[in-house]
Amino acid sequence: MAAERKILIIDDETDLCLLLKDYFTRKQYDVSLSHTLAEGEVLLASVKPDILFLDNNLPDGNGWQLAPALASKFPAVYIILISAFHPDVPEMPFIDNFRIIEKPISLHDLDKQFSTF
């Protein structure tokens, strides 16, 4: 049996986190949740996810500004930046494995985007 793929979602919107967790659990992913950057960084190191959903505006900071450092520290993690509004994307010249998804997130769009994972 293949190892279960892992996802970490760092977002302060509880309803969205639960929706995504349910969606990806049904697709055989092991899903961990965090509602702050600080907790998310700890989970990132311990869970070692394949995919990271990272919100922009979090209670303890800006996720997108932290994305380059996270990508450098965890280069194997595919980063998906999410936000309710599409701000200027920070410079990420060394991050090849990321994409942006705007809220509200459509499960239909997730099906299309995750068909390759």
PDB file of N, CA and C in Angstrom:
ATOM      1  N   MET A   1       0.843  -1.178   0.000  1.00  0.00           N
ATOM      2  CA  MET A   1       0.000   0.000   0.000  1.00  0.00           C
ATOM      3  C   MET A   1       0.888   1.242   0.000  1.00  0.00           C
ATOM      4  N   ALA A   2       0.580   2.206  -0.821  1.00  0.00           N
ATOM      5  CA  ALA A   2       1.361   3.443  -0.930  1.00  0.00           C
ATOM      6  C   ALA A   2       1.190   4.289   0.321  1.00  0.00           C
ATOM      7  N   ALA A   3       2.232   5.044   0.630  1.00  0.00           N
ATOM      8  CA  ALA A   3       2.153   5.941   1.784  1.00  0.00           C
ATOM      9  C   ALA A   3       1.105   7.011   1.528  1.00  0.00           C
ATOM     10  N   GLU A   4       0.389   7.363   2.585  1.00  0.00           N
ATOM     11  CA  GLU A   4      -0.651   8.382   2.451  1.00  0.00           C
ATOM     12  C   GLU A   4      -0.006   9.750   2.249  1.00  0.00           C
ATOM     13  N   ARG A   5      -0.526  10.493   1.306  1.00  0.00           N
ATOM     14  CA  ARG A   5      -0.023  11.840   1.052  1.00  0.00           C
ATOM     15  C   ARG A   5      -0.510  12.756   2.166  1.00  0.00           C
ATOM     16  N   LYS A   6       0.302  13.757   2.481  1.00  0.00           N
ATOM     17  CA  LYS A   6      -0.004  14.640   3.610  1.00  0.00           C
ATOM     18  C   LYS A   6      -0.217  16.070   3.145  1.00  0.00           C
ATOM     19  N   ILE A   7      -1.207  16.721   3.768  1.00  0.00           N
ATOM     20  CA  ILE A   7      -1.505  18.123   3.507  1.00  0.00           C
ATOM     21  C   ILE A   7      -1.544  18.858   4.835  1.00  0.00           C
ATOM     22  N   LEU A   8      -0.949  20.049   4.854  1.00  0.00           N
ATOM     23  CA  LEU A   8      -1.074  20.959   5.995  1.00  0.00           C
ATOM     24  C   LEU A   8      -1.791  22.205   5.501  1.00  0.00           C
ATOM     25  N   ILE A   9      -2.838  22.597   6.223  1.00  0.00           N
ATOM     26  CA  ILE A   9      -3.593  23.804   5.891  1.00  0.00           C
ATOM     27  C   ILE A   9      -3.370  24.814   7.001  1.00  0.00           C
ATOM     28  N   ILE A  10      -2.799  25.970   6.654  1.00  0.00           N
ATOM     29  CA  ILE A  10      -2.611  27.059   7.617  1.00  0.00           C
ATOM     30  C   ILE A  10      -3.550  28.178   7.203  1.00  0.00           C
ATOM     31  N   ASP A  11      -4.656  28.290   7.914  1.00  0.00           N
ATOM     32  CA  ASP A  11      -5.689  29.281   7.606  1.00  0.00           C
ATOM     33  C   ASP A  11      -6.501  29.516   8.869  1.00  0.00           C
ATOM     34  N   ASP A  12      -6.862  30.766   9.119  1.00  0.00           N
ATOM     35  CA  ASP A  12      -7.613  31.085  10.339  1.00  0.00           C
ATOM     36  C   ASP A  12      -9.122  30.945  10.169  1.00  0.00           C
ATOM     37  N   GLU A  13      -9.586  30.620   8.973  1.00  0.00           N
ATOM     38  CA  GLU A  13     -11.016  30.420   8.742  1.00  0.00           C
ATOM     39  C   GLU A  13     -11.364  28.959   9.032  1.00  0.00           C
ATOM     40  N   THR A  14     -11.953  28.724  10.196  1.00  0.00           N
ATOM     41  CA  THR A  14     -12.245  27.366  10.649  1.00  0.00           C
ATOM     42  C   THR A  14     -13.130  26.605   9.672  1.00  0.00           C
ATOM     43  N   ASP A  15     -14.178  27.253   9.165  1.00  0.00           N
ATOM     44  CA  ASP A  15     -15.094  26.569   8.241  1.00  0.00           C
ATOM     45  C   ASP A  15     -14.374  26.101   6.979  1.00  0.00           C
ATOM     46  N   LEU A  16     -13.522  26.952   6.430  1.00  0.00           N
ATOM     47  CA  LEU A  16     -12.769  26.579   5.235  1.00  0.00           C
ATOM     48  C   LEU A  16     -11.833  25.412   5.544  1.00  0.00           C
ATOM     49  N   CYS A  17     -11.162  25.477   6.678  1.00  0.00           N
ATOM     50  CA  CYS A  17     -10.253  24.394   7.065  1.00  0.00           C
ATOM     51  C   CYS A  17     -10.995  23.064   7.148  1.00  0.00           C
ATOM     52  N   LEU A  18     -12.159  23.075   7.774  1.00  0.00           N
ATOM     53  CA  LEU A  18     -12.930  21.839   7.926  1.00  0.00           C
ATOM     54  C   LEU A  18     -13.443  21.331   6.579  1.00  0.00           C
ATOM     55  N   LEU A  19     -13.862  22.238   5.714  1.00  0.00           N
ATOM     56  CA  LEU A  19     -14.316  21.853   4.379  1.00  0.00           C
ATOM     57  C   LEU A  19     -13.179  21.201   3.594  1.00  0.00           C
ATOM     58  N   LEU A  20     -12.007  21.847   3.606  1.00  0.00           N
ATOM     59  CA  LEU A  20     -10.858  21.300   2.889  1.00  0.00           C
ATOM     60  C   LEU A  20     -10.398  19.979   3.500  1.00  0.00           C
ATOM     61  N   LYS A  21     -10.414  19.900   4.826  1.00  0.00           N
ATOM     62  CA  LYS A  21     -10.012  18.654   5.483  1.00  0.00           C
ATOM     63  C   LYS A  21     -10.934  17.513   5.061  1.00  0.00           C
ATOM     64  N   ASP A  22     -12.239  17.745   5.072  1.00  0.00           N
ATOM     65  CA  ASP A  22     -13.196  16.716   4.664  1.00  0.00           C
ATOM     66  C   ASP A  22     -12.966  16.308   3.203  1.00  0.00           C
ATOM     67  N   TYR A  23     -12.809  17.304   2.341  1.00  0.00           N
ATOM     68  CA  TYR A  23     -12.598  17.049   0.910  1.00  0.00           C
ATOM     69  C   TYR A  23     -11.356  16.179   0.681  1.00  0.00           C
ATOM     70  N   PHE A  24     -10.231  16.582   1.281  1.00  0.00           N
ATOM     71  CA  PHE A  24      -8.986  15.864   1.032  1.00  0.00           C
ATOM     72  C   PHE A  24      -8.908  14.531   1.777  1.00  0.00           C
ATOM     73  N   THR A  25      -9.562  14.422   2.910  1.00  0.00           N
ATOM     74  CA  THR A  25      -9.610  13.140   3.614  1.00  0.00           C
ATOM     75  C   THR A  25     -10.325  12.102   2.752  1.00  0.00           C
ATOM     76  N   ARG A  26     -11.402  12.518   2.099  1.00  0.00           N
ATOM     77  CA  ARG A  26     -12.117  11.609   1.197  1.00  0.00           C
ATOM     78  C   ARG A  26     -11.255  11.206   0.003  1.00  0.00           C
ATOM     79  N   LYS A  27     -10.270  12.016  -0.324  1.00  0.00           N
ATOM     80  CA  LYS A  27      -9.357  11.714  -1.437  1.00  0.00           C
ATOM     81  C   LYS A  27      -8.096  10.991  -0.941  1.00  0.00           C
ATOM     82  N   GLN A  28      -8.159  10.475   0.276  1.00  0.00           N
ATOM     83  CA  GLN A  28      -7.077   9.676   0.865  1.00  0.00           C
ATOM     84  C   GLN A  28      -5.832  10.475   1.258  1.00  0.00           C
ATOM     85  N   TYR A  29      -6.003  11.753   1.591  1.00  0.00           N
ATOM     86  CA  TYR A  29      -4.905  12.550   2.129  1.00  0.00           C
ATOM     87  C   TYR A  29      -4.986  12.541   3.649  1.00  0.00           C
ATOM     88  N   ASP A  30      -3.843  12.629   4.299  1.00  0.00           N
ATOM     89  CA  ASP A  30      -3.769  12.833   5.744  1.00  0.00           C
ATOM     90  C   ASP A  30      -3.664  14.346   5.934  1.00  0.00           C
ATOM     91  N   VAL A  31      -4.661  14.968   6.567  1.00  0.00           N
ATOM     92  CA  VAL A  31      -4.750  16.429   6.633  1.00  0.00           C
ATOM     93  C   VAL A  31      -4.537  16.925   8.061  1.00  0.00           C
ATOM     94  N   SER A  32      -3.636  17.903   8.205  1.00  0.00           N
ATOM     95  CA  SER A  32      -3.408  18.590   9.477  1.00  0.00           C
ATOM     96  C   SER A  32      -3.820  20.042   9.312  1.00  0.00           C
ATOM     97  N   LEU A  33      -4.309  20.638  10.406  1.00  0.00           N
ATOM     98  CA  LEU A  33      -4.792  22.021  10.372  1.00  0.00           C
ATOM     99  C   LEU A  33      -4.047  22.882  11.372  1.00  0.00           C
ATOM    100  N   SER A  34      -3.858  24.143  10.998  1.00  0.00           N
ATOM    101  CA  SER A  34      -3.306  25.152  11.894  1.00  0.00           C
ATOM    102  C   SER A  34      -4.006  26.474  11.601  1.00  0.00           C
ATOM    103  N   HIS A  35      -4.205  27.263  12.640  1.00  0.00           N
ATOM    104  CA  HIS A  35      -4.880  28.551  12.461  1.00  0.00           C
ATOM    105  C   HIS A  35      -3.946  29.744  12.671  1.00  0.00           C
ATOM    106  N   THR A  36      -2.650  29.460  12.918  1.00  0.00           N
ATOM    107  CA  THR A  36      -1.658  30.527  13.071  1.00  0.00           C
ATOM    108  C   THR A  36      -0.362  30.122  12.370  1.00  0.00           C
ATOM    109  N   LEU A  37       0.451  31.110  12.034  1.00  0.00           N
ATOM    110  CA  LEU A  37       1.748  30.831  11.427  1.00  0.00           C
ATOM    111  C   LEU A  37       2.662  30.083  12.386  1.00  0.00           C
ATOM    112  N   ALA A  38       2.674  30.510  13.644  1.00  0.00           N
ATOM    113  CA  ALA A  38       3.566  29.888  14.626  1.00  0.00           C
ATOM    114  C   ALA A  38       3.277  28.396  14.763  1.00  0.00           C
ATOM    115  N   GLU A  39       2.015  28.054  14.945  1.00  0.00           N
ATOM    116  CA  GLU A  39       1.631  26.648  15.063  1.00  0.00           C
ATOM    117  C   GLU A  39       1.892  25.918  13.740  1.00  0.00           C
ATOM    118  N   GLY A  40       1.623  26.592  12.636  1.00  0.00           N
ATOM    119  CA  GLY A  40       1.838  25.992  11.326  1.00  0.00           C
ATOM    120  C   GLY A  40       3.287  25.633  11.067  1.00  0.00           C
ATOM    121  N   GLU A  41       4.212  26.494  11.486  1.00  0.00           N
ATOM    122  CA  GLU A  41       5.633  26.201  11.302  1.00  0.00           C
ATOM    123  C   GLU A  41       6.052  24.971  12.092  1.00  0.00           C
ATOM    124  N   VAL A  42       5.521  24.835  13.303  1.00  0.00           N
ATOM    125  CA  VAL A  42       5.824  23.660  14.123  1.00  0.00           C
ATOM    126  C   VAL A  42       5.291  22.399  13.436  1.00  0.00           C
ATOM    127  N   LEU A  43       4.047  22.466  12.958  1.00  0.00           N
ATOM    128  CA  LEU A  43       3.452  21.314  12.273  1.00  0.00           C
ATOM    129  C   LEU A  43       4.178  20.991  10.972  1.00  0.00           C
ATOM    130  N   LEU A  44       4.614  22.011  10.271  1.00  0.00           N
ATOM    131  CA  LEU A  44       5.333  21.804   9.011  1.00  0.00           C
ATOM    132  C   LEU A  44       6.579  20.950   9.247  1.00  0.00           C
ATOM    133  N   ALA A  45       7.295  21.243  10.322  1.00  0.00           N
ATOM    134  CA  ALA A  45       8.509  20.491  10.636  1.00  0.00           C
ATOM    135  C   ALA A  45       8.202  19.069  11.101  1.00  0.00           C
ATOM    136  N   SER A  46       7.111  18.889  11.839  1.00  0.00           N
ATOM    137  CA  SER A  46       6.820  17.558  12.381  1.00  0.00           C
ATOM    138  C   SER A  46       6.016  16.678  11.422  1.00  0.00           C
ATOM    139  N   VAL A  47       5.070  17.264  10.704  1.00  0.00           N
ATOM    140  CA  VAL A  47       4.200  16.497   9.805  1.00  0.00           C
ATOM    141  C   VAL A  47       4.892  16.193   8.479  1.00  0.00           C
ATOM    142  N   LYS A  48       5.733  17.122   8.017  1.00  0.00           N
ATOM    143  CA  LYS A  48       6.410  17.011   6.721  1.00  0.00           C
ATOM    144  C   LYS A  48       5.407  16.737   5.590  1.00  0.00           C
ATOM    145  N   PRO A  49       4.519  17.701   5.348  1.00  0.00           N
ATOM    146  CA  PRO A  49       3.484  17.484   4.334  1.00  0.00           C
ATOM    147  C   PRO A  49       4.038  17.526   2.912  1.00  0.00           C
ATOM    148  N   ASP A  50       3.273  16.943   2.009  1.00  0.00           N
ATOM    149  CA  ASP A  50       3.588  17.030   0.586  1.00  0.00           C
ATOM    150  C   ASP A  50       3.086  18.352   0.016  1.00  0.00           C
ATOM    151  N   ILE A  51       1.966  18.836   0.580  1.00  0.00           N
ATOM    152  CA  ILE A  51       1.309  20.051   0.101  1.00  0.00           C
ATOM    153  C   ILE A  51       0.986  20.946   1.286  1.00  0.00           C
ATOM    154  N   LEU A  52       1.246  22.243   1.124  1.00  0.00           N
ATOM    155  CA  LEU A  52       0.929  23.238   2.145  1.00  0.00           C
ATOM    156  C   LEU A  52      -0.029  24.260   1.556  1.00  0.00           C
ATOM    157  N   PHE A  53      -1.207  24.401   2.166  1.00  0.00           N
ATOM    158  CA  PHE A  53      -2.113  25.506   1.854  1.00  0.00           C
ATOM    159  C   PHE A  53      -1.773  26.612   2.838  1.00  0.00           C
ATOM    160  N   LEU A  54      -1.408  27.787   2.340  1.00  0.00           N
ATOM    161  CA  LEU A  54      -0.958  28.877   3.197  1.00  0.00           C
ATOM    162  C   LEU A  54      -1.766  30.136   2.919  1.00  0.00           C
ATOM    163  N   ASP A  55      -2.534  30.556   3.916  1.00  0.00           N
ATOM    164  CA  ASP A  55      -3.338  31.771   3.800  1.00  0.00           C
ATOM    165  C   ASP A  55      -2.432  32.990   3.894  1.00  0.00           C
ATOM    166  N   ASN A  56      -2.897  34.099   3.372  1.00  0.00           N
ATOM    167  CA  ASN A  56      -2.133  35.336   3.403  1.00  0.00           C
ATOM    168  C   ASN A  56      -2.274  36.050   4.747  1.00  0.00           C
ATOM    169  N   ASN A  57      -3.499  36.390   5.115  1.00  0.00           N
ATOM    170  CA  ASN A  57      -3.737  37.172   6.334  1.00  0.00           C
ATOM    171  C   ASN A  57      -4.074  36.253   7.500  1.00  0.00           C
ATOM    172  N   LEU A  58      -3.128  36.117   8.411  1.00  0.00           N
ATOM    173  CA  LEU A  58      -3.303  35.273   9.587  1.00  0.00           C
ATOM    174  C   LEU A  58      -3.168  36.124  10.842  1.00  0.00           C
ATOM    175  N   PRO A  59      -3.683  35.658  11.969  1.00  0.00           N
ATOM    176  CA  PRO A  59      -3.661  36.474  13.192  1.00  0.00           C
ATOM    177  C   PRO A  59      -2.260  36.902  13.629  1.00  0.00           C
ATOM    178  N   ASP A  60      -1.259  36.072  13.343  1.00  0.00           N
ATOM    179  CA  ASP A  60       0.090  36.388  13.808  1.00  0.00           C
ATOM    180  C   ASP A  60       1.052  36.736  12.679  1.00  0.00           C
ATOM    181  N   GLY A  61       0.524  37.089  11.510  1.00  0.00           N
ATOM    182  CA  GLY A  61       1.422  37.523  10.447  1.00  0.00           C
ATOM    183  C   GLY A  61       0.886  37.269   9.057  1.00  0.00           C
ATOM    184  N   ASN A  62       1.746  37.549   8.087  1.00  0.00           N
ATOM    185  CA  ASN A  62       1.402  37.422   6.677  1.00  0.00           C
ATOM    186  C   ASN A  62       2.034  36.148   6.123  1.00  0.00           C
ATOM    187  N   GLY A  63       1.187  35.186   5.792  1.00  0.00           N
ATOM    188  CA  GLY A  63       1.681  33.905   5.303  1.00  0.00           C
ATOM    189  C   GLY A  63       2.476  34.011   4.019  1.00  0.00           C
ATOM    190  N   TRP A  64       2.027  34.868   3.108  1.00  0.00           N
ATOM    191  CA  TRP A  64       2.702  34.969   1.820  1.00  0.00           C
ATOM    192  C   TRP A  64       4.108  35.526   1.969  1.00  0.00           C
ATOM    193  N   GLN A  65       4.320  36.412   2.937  1.00  0.00           N
ATOM    194  CA  GLN A  65       5.665  36.950   3.152  1.00  0.00           C
ATOM    195  C   GLN A  65       6.599  35.875   3.703  1.00  0.00           C
ATOM    196  N   LEU A  66       6.030  34.921   4.427  1.00  0.00           N
ATOM    197  CA  LEU A  66       6.828  33.839   4.997  1.00  0.00           C
ATOM    198  C   LEU A  66       7.078  32.713   3.988  1.00  0.00           C
ATOM    199  N   ALA A  67       6.315  32.684   2.914  1.00  0.00           N
ATOM    200  CA  ALA A  67       6.401  31.588   1.938  1.00  0.00           C
ATOM    201  C   ALA A  67       7.817  31.347   1.399  1.00  0.00           C
ATOM    202  N   PRO A  68       8.584  32.372   1.011  1.00  0.00           N
ATOM    203  CA  PRO A  68       9.936  32.097   0.507  1.00  0.00           C
ATOM    204  C   PRO A  68      10.827  31.398   1.535  1.00  0.00           C
ATOM    205  N   ALA A  69      10.743  31.814   2.789  1.00  0.00           N
ATOM    206  CA  ALA A  69      11.551  31.167   3.830  1.00  0.00           C
ATOM    207  C   ALA A  69      11.114  29.721   4.043  1.00  0.00           C
ATOM    208  N   LEU A  70       9.798  29.487   4.010  1.00  0.00           N
ATOM    209  CA  LEU A  70       9.297  28.118   4.167  1.00  0.00           C
ATOM    210  C   LEU A  70       9.730  27.248   2.993  1.00  0.00           C
ATOM    211  N   ALA A  71       9.683  27.798   1.790  1.00  0.00           N
ATOM    212  CA  ALA A  71      10.100  27.042   0.606  1.00  0.00           C
ATOM    213  C   ALA A  71      11.587  26.705   0.657  1.00  0.00           C
ATOM    214  N   SER A  72      12.375  27.615   1.190  1.00  0.00           N
ATOM    215  CA  SER A  72      13.806  27.373   1.321  1.00  0.00           C
ATOM    216  C   SER A  72      14.089  26.295   2.370  1.00  0.00           C
ATOM    217  N   LYS A  73      13.360  26.357   3.468  1.00  0.00           N
ATOM    218  CA  LYS A  73      13.560  25.414   4.575  1.00  0.00           C
ATOM    219  C   LYS A  73      12.966  24.035   4.263  1.00  0.00           C
ATOM    220  N   PHE A  74      11.875  24.011   3.497  1.00  0.00           N
ATOM    221  CA  PHE A  74      11.171  22.763   3.163  1.00  0.00           C
ATOM    222  C   PHE A  74      10.974  22.681   1.638  1.00  0.00           C
ATOM    223  N   PRO A  75      12.042  22.465   0.877  1.00  0.00           N
ATOM    224  CA  PRO A  75      11.951  22.550  -0.588  1.00  0.00           C
ATOM    225  C   PRO A  75      11.070  21.488  -1.248  1.00  0.00           C
ATOM    226  N   ALA A  76      10.796  20.399  -0.580  1.00  0.00           N
ATOM    227  CA  ALA A  76       9.975  19.339  -1.181  1.00  0.00           C
ATOM    228  C   ALA A  76       8.478  19.614  -1.081  1.00  0.00           C
ATOM    229  N   VAL A  77       8.097  20.619  -0.297  1.00  0.00           N
ATOM    230  CA  VAL A  77       6.677  20.909  -0.071  1.00  0.00           C
ATOM    231  C   VAL A  77       6.125  21.763  -1.215  1.00  0.00           C
ATOM    232  N   TYR A  78       5.001  21.333  -1.784  1.00  0.00           N
ATOM    233  CA  TYR A  78       4.303  22.115  -2.806  1.00  0.00           C
ATOM    234  C   TYR A  78       3.430  23.134  -2.078  1.00  0.00           C
ATOM    235  N   ILE A  79       3.632  24.422  -2.346  1.00  0.00           N
ATOM    236  CA  ILE A  79       2.947  25.490  -1.612  1.00  0.00           C
ATOM    237  C   ILE A  79       1.806  26.055  -2.443  1.00  0.00           C
ATOM    238  N   ILE A  80       0.630  26.108  -1.832  1.00  0.00           N
ATOM    239  CA  ILE A  80      -0.537  26.722  -2.462  1.00  0.00           C
ATOM    240  C   ILE A  80      -0.915  27.933  -1.623  1.00  0.00           C
ATOM    241  N   LEU A  81      -0.715  29.111  -2.189  1.00  0.00           N
ATOM    242  CA  LEU A  81      -1.039  30.360  -1.509  1.00  0.00           C
ATOM    243  C   LEU A  81      -2.520  30.646  -1.718  1.00  0.00           C
ATOM    244  N   ILE A  82      -3.232  30.935  -0.620  1.00  0.00           N
ATOM    245  CA  ILE A  82      -4.663  31.218  -0.718  1.00  0.00           C
ATOM    246  C   ILE A  82      -4.970  32.553  -0.056  1.00  0.00           C
ATOM    247  N   SER A  83      -5.959  33.252  -0.604  1.00  0.00           N
ATOM    248  CA  SER A  83      -6.372  34.531  -0.034  1.00  0.00           C
ATOM    249  C   SER A  83      -7.738  34.914  -0.578  1.00  0.00           C
ATOM    250  N   ALA A  84      -8.472  35.671   0.224  1.00  0.00           N
ATOM    251  CA  ALA A  84      -9.790  36.153  -0.198  1.00  0.00           C
ATOM    252  C   ALA A  84      -9.660  37.269  -1.227  1.00  0.00           C
ATOM    253  N   PHE A  85      -8.535  37.928  -1.241  1.00  0.00           N
ATOM    254  CA  PHE A  85      -8.293  38.952  -2.253  1.00  0.00           C
ATOM    255  C   PHE A  85      -6.913  38.690  -2.824  1.00  0.00           C
ATOM    256  N   HIS A  86      -6.698  39.110  -4.041  1.00  0.00           N
ATOM    257  CA  HIS A  86      -5.460  38.797  -4.740  1.00  0.00           C
ATOM    258  C   HIS A  86      -4.486  39.964  -4.610  1.00  0.00           C
ATOM    259  N   PRO A  87      -3.686  39.968  -3.545  1.00  0.00           N
ATOM    260  CA  PRO A  87      -2.708  41.048  -3.387  1.00  0.00           C
ATOM    261  C   PRO A  87      -1.535  40.834  -4.341  1.00  0.00           C
ATOM    262  N   ASP A  88      -0.620  41.770  -4.327  1.00  0.00           N
ATOM    263  CA  ASP A  88       0.588  41.584  -5.118  1.00  0.00           C
ATOM    264  C   ASP A  88       1.322  40.356  -4.596  1.00  0.00           C
ATOM    265  N   VAL A  89       1.716  39.509  -5.490  1.00  0.00           N
ATOM    266  CA  VAL A  89       2.428  38.299  -5.100  1.00  0.00           C
ATOM    267  C   VAL A  89       3.858  38.685  -4.739  1.00  0.00           C
ATOM    268  N   PRO A  90       4.343  38.242  -3.572  1.00  0.00           N
ATOM    269  CA  PRO A  90       5.716  38.572  -3.205  1.00  0.00           C
ATOM    270  C   PRO A  90       6.697  37.908  -4.166  1.00  0.00           C
ATOM    271  N   GLU A  91       7.880  38.485  -4.263  1.00  0.00           N
ATOM    272  CA  GLU A  91       8.905  37.908  -5.127  1.00  0.00           C
ATOM    273  C   GLU A  91       9.302  36.544  -4.582  1.00  0.00           C
ATOM    274  N   MET A  92       9.229  35.543  -5.432  1.00  0.00           N
ATOM    275  CA  MET A  92       9.593  34.188  -5.038  1.00  0.00           C
ATOM    276  C   MET A  92      10.394  33.541  -6.159  1.00  0.00           C
ATOM    277  N   PRO A  93      11.575  34.097  -6.461  1.00  0.00           N
ATOM    278  CA  PRO A  93      12.324  33.599  -7.609  1.00  0.00           C
ATOM    279  C   PRO A  93      12.790  32.156  -7.470  1.00  0.00           C
ATOM    280  N   PHE A  94      12.949  31.669  -6.245  1.00  0.00           N
ATOM    281  CA  PHE A  94      13.471  30.321  -6.071  1.00  0.00           C
ATOM    282  C   PHE A  94      12.385  29.307  -5.746  1.00  0.00           C
ATOM    283  N   ILE A  95      11.124  29.726  -5.782  1.00  0.00           N
ATOM    284  CA  ILE A  95      10.036  28.785  -5.533  1.00  0.00           C
ATOM    285  C   ILE A  95       9.442  28.373  -6.874  1.00  0.00           C
ATOM    286  N   ASP A  96       9.692  27.142  -7.250  1.00  0.00           N
ATOM    287  CA  ASP A  96       9.148  26.627  -8.504  1.00  0.00           C
ATOM    288  C   ASP A  96       7.828  25.897  -8.288  1.00  0.00           C
ATOM    289  N   ASN A  97       7.631  25.414  -7.088  1.00  0.00           N
ATOM    290  CA  ASN A  97       6.496  24.542  -6.822  1.00  0.00           C
ATOM    291  C   ASN A  97       5.424  25.240  -5.986  1.00  0.00           C
ATOM    292  N   PHE A  98       4.785  26.244  -6.592  1.00  0.00           N
ATOM    293  CA  PHE A  98       3.689  26.908  -5.895  1.00  0.00           C
ATOM    294  C   PHE A  98       2.646  27.369  -6.895  1.00  0.00           C
ATOM    295  N   ARG A  99       1.465  27.603  -6.369  1.00  0.00           N
ATOM    296  CA  ARG A  99       0.388  28.213  -7.162  1.00  0.00           C
ATOM    297  C   ARG A  99      -0.468  29.042  -6.219  1.00  0.00           C
ATOM    298  N   ILE A 100      -1.360  29.835  -6.802  1.00  0.00           N
ATOM    299  CA  ILE A 100      -2.249  30.702  -6.028  1.00  0.00           C
ATOM    300  C   ILE A 100      -3.686  30.285  -6.291  1.00  0.00           C
ATOM    301  N   ILE A 101      -4.467  30.186  -5.216  1.00  0.00           N
ATOM    302  CA  ILE A 101      -5.899  29.921  -5.323  1.00  0.00           C
ATOM    303  C   ILE A 101      -6.620  31.017  -4.555  1.00  0.00           C
ATOM    304  N   GLU A 102      -7.580  31.656  -5.209  1.00  0.00           N
ATOM    305  CA  GLU A 102      -8.354  32.709  -4.550  1.00  0.00           C
ATOM    306  C   GLU A 102      -9.604  32.134  -3.900  1.00  0.00           C
ATOM    307  N   LYS A 103      -9.939  32.698  -2.747  1.00  0.00           N
ATOM    308  CA  LYS A 103     -11.193  32.350  -2.072  1.00  0.00           C
ATOM    309  C   LYS A 103     -12.317  33.139  -2.725  1.00  0.00           C
ATOM    310  N   PRO A 104     -13.514  32.649  -2.792  1.00  0.00           N
ATOM    311  CA  PRO A 104     -13.937  31.354  -2.259  1.00  0.00           C
ATOM    312  C   PRO A 104     -13.387  30.221  -3.120  1.00  0.00           C
ATOM    313  N   ILE A 105     -13.025  29.141  -2.456  1.00  0.00           N
ATOM    314  CA  ILE A 105     -12.440  27.989  -3.131  1.00  0.00           C
ATOM    315  C   ILE A 105     -13.548  27.050  -3.581  1.00  0.00           C
ATOM    316  N   SER A 106     -13.535  26.727  -4.847  1.00  0.00           N
ATOM    317  CA  SER A 106     -14.518  25.818  -5.434  1.00  0.00           C
ATOM    318  C   SER A 106     -13.978  24.386  -5.392  1.00  0.00           C
ATOM    319  N   LEU A 107     -14.784  23.460  -4.897  1.00  0.00           N
ATOM    320  CA  LEU A 107     -14.360  22.062  -4.880  1.00  0.00           C
ATOM    321  C   LEU A 107     -14.184  21.526  -6.301  1.00  0.00           C
ATOM    322  N   HIS A 108     -14.966  22.037  -7.228  1.00  0.00           N
ATOM    323  CA  HIS A 108     -14.815  21.653  -8.638  1.00  0.00           C
ATOM    324  C   HIS A 108     -13.432  22.065  -9.150  1.00  0.00           C
ATOM    325  N   ASP A 109     -12.999  23.289  -8.804  1.00  0.00           N
ATOM    326  CA  ASP A 109     -11.669  23.749  -9.214  1.00  0.00           C
ATOM    327  C   ASP A 109     -10.570  22.912  -8.561  1.00  0.00           C
ATOM    328  N   LEU A 110     -10.778  22.542  -7.297  1.00  0.00           N
ATOM    329  CA  LEU A 110      -9.797  21.691  -6.625  1.00  0.00           C
ATOM    330  C   LEU A 110      -9.681  20.344  -7.333  1.00  0.00           C
ATOM    331  N   ASP A 111     -10.813  19.784  -7.746  1.00  0.00           N
ATOM    332  CA  ASP A 111     -10.784  18.518  -8.482  1.00  0.00           C
ATOM    333  C   ASP A 111      -9.906  18.634  -9.725  1.00  0.00           C
ATOM    334  N   LYS A 112     -10.069  19.722 -10.463  1.00  0.00           N
ATOM    335  CA  LYS A 112      -9.273  19.925 -11.680  1.00  0.00           C
ATOM    336  C   LYS A 112      -7.797  20.106 -11.342  1.00  0.00           C
ATOM    337  N   GLN A 113      -7.508  20.925 -10.326  1.00  0.00           N
ATOM    338  CA  GLN A 113      -6.120  21.237 -10.006  1.00  0.00           C
ATOM    339  C   GLN A 113      -5.389  20.063  -9.370  1.00  0.00           C
ATOM    340  N   PHE A 114      -6.107  19.223  -8.649  1.00  0.00           N
ATOM    341  CA  PHE A 114      -5.451  18.124  -7.945  1.00  0.00           C
ATOM    342  C   PHE A 114      -5.517  16.808  -8.696  1.00  0.00           C
ATOM    343  N   SER A 115      -5.967  16.844  -9.917  1.00  0.00           N
ATOM    344  CA  SER A 115      -5.998  15.614 -10.706  1.00  0.00           C
ATOM    345  C   SER A 115      -4.585  15.130 -11.031  1.00  0.00           C
ATOM    346  N   THR A 116      -3.599  16.027 -10.930  1.00  0.00           N
ATOM    347  CA  THR A 116      -2.216  15.661 -11.235  1.00  0.00           C
ATOM    348  C   THR A 116      -1.429  15.212 -10.011  1.00  0.00           C
ATOM    349  N   PHE A 117      -2.000  15.339  -8.813  1.00  0.00           N
ATOM    350  CA  PHE A 117      -1.267  14.960  -7.596  1.00  0.00           C
ATOM    351  C   PHE A 117      -1.508  13.517  -7.246  1.00  0.00           C
TER     352      PHE A 117
END
